[in-house]
Amino acid sequence: MKLQKARNNQYFLTLPIRLVEAKGWDKGKELRIRFNERGNLEIEEVKRL
């Protein structure tokens, strides 16, 4: 993945389709992005009850 910058000065990542399909995600899926204890980014699906 490559970090990109939009015209409005926001940054974004495009997730590879294989990753999205492997996770069973679809358009509109709410994801949480955080740093773990080692400082690496983690992406996880937000589970709603």
PDB file of N, CA and C in Angstrom:
ATOM      1  N   MET A   1       0.836  -1.168   0.000  1.00  0.00           N
ATOM      2  CA  MET A   1       0.000   0.000   0.000  1.00  0.00           C
ATOM      3  C   MET A   1       0.885   1.237   0.000  1.00  0.00           C
ATOM      4  N   LYS A   2       0.327   2.292  -0.553  1.00  0.00           N
ATOM      5  CA  LYS A   2       1.057   3.545  -0.615  1.00  0.00           C
ATOM      6  C   LYS A   2       0.201   4.645   0.007  1.00  0.00           C
ATOM      7  N   LEU A   3       0.806   5.424   0.894  1.00  0.00           N
ATOM      8  CA  LEU A   3       0.123   6.564   1.482  1.00  0.00           C
ATOM      9  C   LEU A   3      -0.040   7.629   0.401  1.00  0.00           C
ATOM     10  N   GLN A   4      -1.277   8.122   0.259  1.00  0.00           N
ATOM     11  CA  GLN A   4      -1.577   9.112  -0.764  1.00  0.00           C
ATOM     12  C   GLN A   4      -2.163  10.358  -0.125  1.00  0.00           C
ATOM     13  N   LYS A   5      -2.122  11.461  -0.856  1.00  0.00           N
ATOM     14  CA  LYS A   5      -2.647  12.717  -0.342  1.00  0.00           C
ATOM     15  C   LYS A   5      -3.687  13.242  -1.333  1.00  0.00           C
ATOM     16  N   ALA A   6      -4.870  13.561  -0.819  1.00  0.00           N
ATOM     17  CA  ALA A   6      -5.943  14.105  -1.648  1.00  0.00           C
ATOM     18  C   ALA A   6      -5.755  15.608  -1.811  1.00  0.00           C
ATOM     19  N   ARG A   7      -6.523  16.186  -2.719  1.00  0.00           N
ATOM     20  CA  ARG A   7      -6.435  17.627  -2.972  1.00  0.00           C
ATOM     21  C   ARG A   7      -6.833  18.457  -1.755  1.00  0.00           C
ATOM     22  N   ASN A   8      -7.642  17.872  -0.863  1.00  0.00           N
ATOM     23  CA  ASN A   8      -8.088  18.603   0.328  1.00  0.00           C
ATOM     24  C   ASN A   8      -7.110  18.439   1.493  1.00  0.00           C
ATOM     25  N   ASN A   9      -5.906  17.958   1.195  1.00  0.00           N
ATOM     26  CA  ASN A   9      -4.823  17.778   2.167  1.00  0.00           C
ATOM     27  C   ASN A   9      -5.083  16.685   3.196  1.00  0.00           C
ATOM     28  N   GLN A  10      -6.029  15.783   2.929  1.00  0.00           N
ATOM     29  CA  GLN A  10      -6.201  14.603   3.777  1.00  0.00           C
ATOM     30  C   GLN A  10      -5.404  13.462   3.164  1.00  0.00           C
ATOM     31  N   TYR A  11      -4.937  12.559   4.023  1.00  0.00           N
ATOM     32  CA  TYR A  11      -4.185  11.400   3.566  1.00  0.00           C
ATOM     33  C   TYR A  11      -5.090  10.175   3.564  1.00  0.00           C
ATOM     34  N   PHE A  12      -4.789   9.223   2.674  1.00  0.00           N
ATOM     35  CA  PHE A  12      -5.589   8.006   2.613  1.00  0.00           C
ATOM     36  C   PHE A  12      -4.763   6.837   2.096  1.00  0.00           C
ATOM     37  N   LEU A  13      -5.242   5.640   2.419  1.00  0.00           N
ATOM     38  CA  LEU A  13      -4.676   4.387   1.914  1.00  0.00           C
ATOM     39  C   LEU A  13      -5.761   3.667   1.139  1.00  0.00           C
ATOM     40  N   THR A  14      -5.385   3.038   0.053  1.00  0.00           N
ATOM     41  CA  THR A  14      -6.302   2.185  -0.680  1.00  0.00           C
ATOM     42  C   THR A  14      -5.962   0.746  -0.308  1.00  0.00           C
ATOM     43  N   LEU A  15      -6.962   0.017   0.198  1.00  0.00           N
ATOM     44  CA  LEU A  15      -6.737  -1.364   0.617  1.00  0.00           C
ATOM     45  C   LEU A  15      -6.771  -2.292  -0.596  1.00  0.00           C
ATOM     46  N   PRO A  16      -5.862  -3.229  -0.678  1.00  0.00           N
ATOM     47  CA  PRO A  16      -5.880  -4.188  -1.791  1.00  0.00           C
ATOM     48  C   PRO A  16      -7.162  -5.025  -1.765  1.00  0.00           C
ATOM     49  N   ILE A  17      -7.725  -5.264  -2.933  1.00  0.00           N
ATOM     50  CA  ILE A  17      -8.987  -5.999  -3.035  1.00  0.00           C
ATOM     51  C   ILE A  17      -8.876  -7.395  -2.408  1.00  0.00           C
ATOM     52  N   ARG A  18      -7.726  -8.036  -2.538  1.00  0.00           N
ATOM     53  CA  ARG A  18      -7.555  -9.378  -1.945  1.00  0.00           C
ATOM     54  C   ARG A  18      -7.682  -9.345  -0.428  1.00  0.00           C
ATOM     55  N   LEU A  19      -7.167  -8.298   0.198  1.00  0.00           N
ATOM     56  CA  LEU A  19      -7.285  -8.149   1.647  1.00  0.00           C
ATOM     57  C   LEU A  19      -8.748  -7.947   2.047  1.00  0.00           C
ATOM     58  N   VAL A  20      -9.426  -7.062   1.344  1.00  0.00           N
ATOM     59  CA  VAL A  20     -10.830  -6.759   1.641  1.00  0.00           C
ATOM     60  C   VAL A  20     -11.693  -8.021   1.458  1.00  0.00           C
ATOM     61  N   GLU A  21     -11.477  -8.736   0.378  1.00  0.00           N
ATOM     62  CA  GLU A  21     -12.252  -9.965   0.131  1.00  0.00           C
ATOM     63  C   GLU A  21     -11.932 -11.038   1.166  1.00  0.00           C
ATOM     64  N   ALA A  22     -10.671 -11.166   1.549  1.00  0.00           N
ATOM     65  CA  ALA A  22     -10.284 -12.182   2.539  1.00  0.00           C
ATOM     66  C   ALA A  22     -10.953 -11.915   3.882  1.00  0.00           C
ATOM     67  N   LYS A  23     -11.138 -10.642   4.214  1.00  0.00           N
ATOM     68  CA  LYS A  23     -11.781 -10.277   5.474  1.00  0.00           C
ATOM     69  C   LYS A  23     -13.307 -10.297   5.372  1.00  0.00           C
ATOM     70  N   GLY A  24     -13.848 -10.409   4.170  1.00  0.00           N
ATOM     71  CA  GLY A  24     -15.298 -10.429   3.990  1.00  0.00           C
ATOM     72  C   GLY A  24     -15.920  -9.047   4.129  1.00  0.00           C
ATOM     73  N   TRP A  25     -15.114  -7.994   3.937  1.00  0.00           N
ATOM     74  CA  TRP A  25     -15.601  -6.636   4.053  1.00  0.00           C
ATOM     75  C   TRP A  25     -16.260  -6.210   2.749  1.00  0.00           C
ATOM     76  N   ASP A  26     -17.125  -5.203   2.840  1.00  0.00           N
ATOM     77  CA  ASP A  26     -17.801  -4.657   1.672  1.00  0.00           C
ATOM     78  C   ASP A  26     -17.881  -3.143   1.836  1.00  0.00           C
ATOM     79  N   LYS A  27     -18.251  -2.459   0.781  1.00  0.00           N
ATOM     80  CA  LYS A  27     -18.400  -1.010   0.820  1.00  0.00           C
ATOM     81  C   LYS A  27     -19.298  -0.609   1.986  1.00  0.00           C
ATOM     82  N   GLY A  28     -18.874   0.383   2.742  1.00  0.00           N
ATOM     83  CA  GLY A  28     -19.648   0.860   3.873  1.00  0.00           C
ATOM     84  C   GLY A  28     -19.310   0.202   5.197  1.00  0.00           C
ATOM     85  N   LYS A  29     -18.462  -0.829   5.184  1.00  0.00           N
ATOM     86  CA  LYS A  29     -18.075  -1.510   6.420  1.00  0.00           C
ATOM     87  C   LYS A  29     -17.320  -0.523   7.310  1.00  0.00           C
ATOM     88  N   GLU A  30     -17.707  -0.447   8.568  1.00  0.00           N
ATOM     89  CA  GLU A  30     -17.037   0.457   9.490  1.00  0.00           C
ATOM     90  C   GLU A  30     -15.790  -0.231  10.045  1.00  0.00           C
ATOM     91  N   LEU A  31     -14.649   0.453   9.906  1.00  0.00           N
ATOM     92  CA  LEU A  31     -13.371  -0.087  10.343  1.00  0.00           C
ATOM     93  C   LEU A  31     -12.750   0.827  11.382  1.00  0.00           C
ATOM     94  N   ARG A  32     -11.984   0.235  12.274  1.00  0.00           N
ATOM     95  CA  ARG A  32     -11.262   0.988  13.308  1.00  0.00           C
ATOM     96  C   ARG A  32      -9.767   0.838  13.013  1.00  0.00           C
ATOM     97  N   ILE A  33      -9.065   1.950  13.017  1.00  0.00           N
ATOM     98  CA  ILE A  33      -7.629   1.932  12.784  1.00  0.00           C
ATOM     99  C   ILE A  33      -6.956   2.449  14.052  1.00  0.00           C
ATOM    100  N   ARG A  34      -5.954   1.713  14.529  1.00  0.00           N
ATOM    101  CA  ARG A  34      -5.271   2.112  15.753  1.00  0.00           C
ATOM    102  C   ARG A  34      -3.822   1.658  15.683  1.00  0.00           C
ATOM    103  N   PHE A  35      -3.031   2.140  16.617  1.00  0.00           N
ATOM    104  CA  PHE A  35      -1.656   1.694  16.763  1.00  0.00           C
ATOM    105  C   PHE A  35      -1.606   0.643  17.867  1.00  0.00           C
ATOM    106  N   ASN A  36      -0.907  -0.451  17.623  1.00  0.00           N
ATOM    107  CA  ASN A  36      -0.743  -1.464  18.669  1.00  0.00           C
ATOM    108  C   ASN A  36       0.421  -1.085  19.573  1.00  0.00           C
ATOM    109  N   GLU A  37       0.740  -1.952  20.512  1.00  0.00           N
ATOM    110  CA  GLU A  37       1.775  -1.656  21.506  1.00  0.00           C
ATOM    111  C   GLU A  37       3.169  -1.509  20.895  1.00  0.00           C
ATOM    112  N   ARG A  38       3.373  -2.036  19.689  1.00  0.00           N
ATOM    113  CA  ARG A  38       4.668  -1.903  19.006  1.00  0.00           C
ATOM    114  C   ARG A  38       4.707  -0.718  18.048  1.00  0.00           C
ATOM    115  N   GLY A  39       3.592   0.036  17.981  1.00  0.00           N
ATOM    116  CA  GLY A  39       3.534   1.208  17.116  1.00  0.00           C
ATOM    117  C   GLY A  39       3.106   0.921  15.693  1.00  0.00           C
ATOM    118  N   ASN A  40       2.663  -0.310  15.440  1.00  0.00           N
ATOM    119  CA  ASN A  40       2.192  -0.679  14.102  1.00  0.00           C
ATOM    120  C   ASN A  40       0.702  -0.405  13.965  1.00  0.00           C
ATOM    121  N   LEU A  41       0.281  -0.058  12.749  1.00  0.00           N
ATOM    122  CA  LEU A  41      -1.141   0.162  12.490  1.00  0.00           C
ATOM    123  C   LEU A  41      -1.897  -1.155  12.473  1.00  0.00           C
ATOM    124  N   GLU A  42      -3.071  -1.168  13.065  1.00  0.00           N
ATOM    125  CA  GLU A  42      -3.979  -2.316  13.003  1.00  0.00           C
ATOM    126  C   GLU A  42      -5.325  -1.826  12.485  1.00  0.00           C
ATOM    127  N   ILE A  43      -5.928  -2.606  11.613  1.00  0.00           N
ATOM    128  CA  ILE A  43      -7.250  -2.306  11.078  1.00  0.00           C
ATOM    129  C   ILE A  43      -8.170  -3.433  11.502  1.00  0.00           C
ATOM    130  N   GLU A  44      -9.291  -3.080  12.110  1.00  0.00           N
ATOM    131  CA  GLU A  44     -10.226  -4.111  12.536  1.00  0.00           C
ATOM    132  C   GLU A  44     -11.661  -3.661  12.241  1.00  0.00           C
ATOM    133  N   GLU A  45     -12.505  -4.644  12.042  1.00  0.00           N
ATOM    134  CA  GLU A  45     -13.912  -4.406  11.782  1.00  0.00           C
ATOM    135  C   GLU A  45     -14.596  -3.993  13.080  1.00  0.00           C
ATOM    136  N   VAL A  46     -15.459  -2.990  12.995  1.00  0.00           N
ATOM    137  CA  VAL A  46     -16.240  -2.560  14.157  1.00  0.00           C
ATOM    138  C   VAL A  46     -17.437  -3.492  14.256  1.00  0.00           C
ATOM    139  N   LYS A  47     -17.539  -4.188  15.365  1.00  0.00           N
ATOM    140  CA  LYS A  47     -18.648  -5.119  15.592  1.00  0.00           C
ATOM    141  C   LYS A  47     -19.786  -4.377  16.298  1.00  0.00           C
ATOM    142  N   ARG A  48     -20.966  -4.440  15.751  1.00  0.00           N
ATOM    143  CA  ARG A  48     -22.146  -3.830  16.339  1.00  0.00           C
ATOM    144  C   ARG A  48     -23.016  -4.914  16.944  1.00  0.00           C
ATOM    145  N   LEU A  49     -23.555  -4.643  18.118  1.00  0.00           N
ATOM    146  CA  LEU A  49     -24.434  -5.609  18.798  1.00  0.00           C
ATOM    147  C   LEU A  49     -25.862  -5.424  18.372  1.00  0.00           C
TER     148      LEU A  49
END
